[in-house]
Amino acid sequence: MYDRTTILHLVDDAQRNDPCCACGAHMIPVDRDGGLWLECATLRARGDEPVSLIRSLVDRLRHERHVILDREELLAA
C-alpha cells in the first residue's frame, strides 16, 4: 500500500534517475490508463491526438515511457 508521500517520493526518484528522454526533452509524470508513468514531455504535449500507425511506432522507438506505478498498485493504494 502506498500513501501520498511515498508516491511523491517514487515520482521524485523516477525523475531524478531518468530526467530526459533520448530525444532530449524532459520526462514528466502522467496518469495514463489508470497507472502513473514517466514519459517524454513531447508525447504529453500531443495529448490524445490521434496519430497514424507509423507515427505511433516511430514514437515508441524515439521517445521513452516508463511505468512508475501500474494500475493495480495504485488501486491498492
Protein backbone atom coordinates (compact mmCIF):
# COMPACT_ATOMS: atom_id res chain seq x y z
CA MET A 1 0.00 0.00 0.00
CA TYR A 2 1.29 3.43 -0.95
CA ASP A 3 0.46 6.66 0.80
CA ARG A 4 0.65 10.06 -0.87
CA THR A 5 4.15 10.81 0.45
CA THR A 6 5.53 7.50 -0.81
CA ILE A 7 4.03 8.09 -4.25
CA LEU A 8 5.61 11.55 -4.39
CA HIS A 9 8.98 10.05 -3.43
CA LEU A 10 8.62 7.44 -6.18
CA VAL A 11 7.90 10.18 -8.74
CA ASP A 12 10.87 12.24 -7.49
CA ASP A 13 13.18 9.24 -7.71
CA ALA A 14 11.97 8.37 -11.21
CA GLN A 15 12.55 11.94 -12.43
CA ARG A 16 15.95 12.11 -10.77
CA ASN A 17 17.04 8.78 -12.28
CA ASP A 18 15.65 9.49 -15.75
CA PRO A 19 15.34 13.27 -16.25
CA CYS A 20 15.48 13.33 -20.06
CA CYS A 21 14.20 11.30 -22.97
CA ALA A 22 16.54 10.05 -25.69
CA CYS A 23 15.24 12.94 -27.84
CA GLY A 24 16.45 15.46 -25.21
CA ALA A 25 13.04 16.53 -23.88
CA HIS A 26 12.20 16.40 -20.17
CA MET A 27 10.44 13.39 -18.68
CA ILE A 28 7.22 14.20 -16.81
CA PRO A 29 4.86 12.15 -14.63
CA VAL A 30 1.45 11.47 -16.19
CA ASP A 31 -1.66 9.46 -15.41
CA ARG A 32 -2.16 7.07 -18.30
CA ASP A 33 -4.57 4.13 -18.40
CA GLY A 34 -5.02 4.28 -14.64
CA GLY A 35 -1.29 3.99 -13.93
CA LEU A 36 1.39 6.54 -13.11
CA TRP A 37 4.01 6.87 -15.85
CA LEU A 38 7.13 8.90 -16.51
CA GLU A 39 7.12 9.86 -20.17
CA CYS A 40 8.66 12.24 -22.67
CA ALA A 41 7.08 15.68 -22.47
CA THR A 42 6.66 15.76 -26.27
CA LEU A 43 4.25 12.83 -26.03
CA ARG A 44 2.19 14.68 -23.42
CA ALA A 45 2.19 17.89 -25.46
CA ARG A 46 0.46 15.99 -28.23
CA GLY A 47 -2.05 14.59 -25.74
CA ASP A 48 -4.59 12.10 -27.00
CA GLU A 49 -4.44 13.48 -30.53
CA PRO A 50 -4.89 10.57 -32.94
CA VAL A 51 -1.78 9.55 -34.85
CA SER A 52 -1.09 7.16 -37.66
CA LEU A 53 0.23 3.67 -37.06
CA ILE A 54 3.62 4.66 -38.47
CA ARG A 55 3.84 7.73 -36.22
CA SER A 56 2.89 5.60 -33.22
CA LEU A 57 5.68 3.10 -33.99
CA VAL A 58 8.25 5.88 -34.52
CA ASP A 59 7.24 7.47 -31.20
CA ARG A 60 7.78 4.17 -29.39
CA LEU A 61 11.28 3.93 -30.82
CA ARG A 62 12.25 7.57 -30.35
CA HIS A 63 10.51 8.61 -27.13
CA GLU A 64 10.64 6.98 -23.74
CA ARG A 65 7.88 5.97 -21.35
CA HIS A 66 8.38 4.12 -18.06
CA VAL A 67 5.83 2.94 -15.55
CA ILE A 68 6.24 4.30 -12.01
CA LEU A 69 3.18 2.56 -10.52
CA ASP A 70 0.87 0.39 -12.56
CA ARG A 71 -2.90 0.49 -12.29
CA GLU A 72 -3.15 -2.42 -9.85
CA GLU A 73 -0.58 -0.87 -7.50
CA LEU A 74 -2.43 2.45 -7.48
CA LEU A 75 -5.77 0.76 -6.85
CA ALA A 76 -4.24 -0.95 -3.82
CA ALA A 77 -3.04 2.41 -2.50
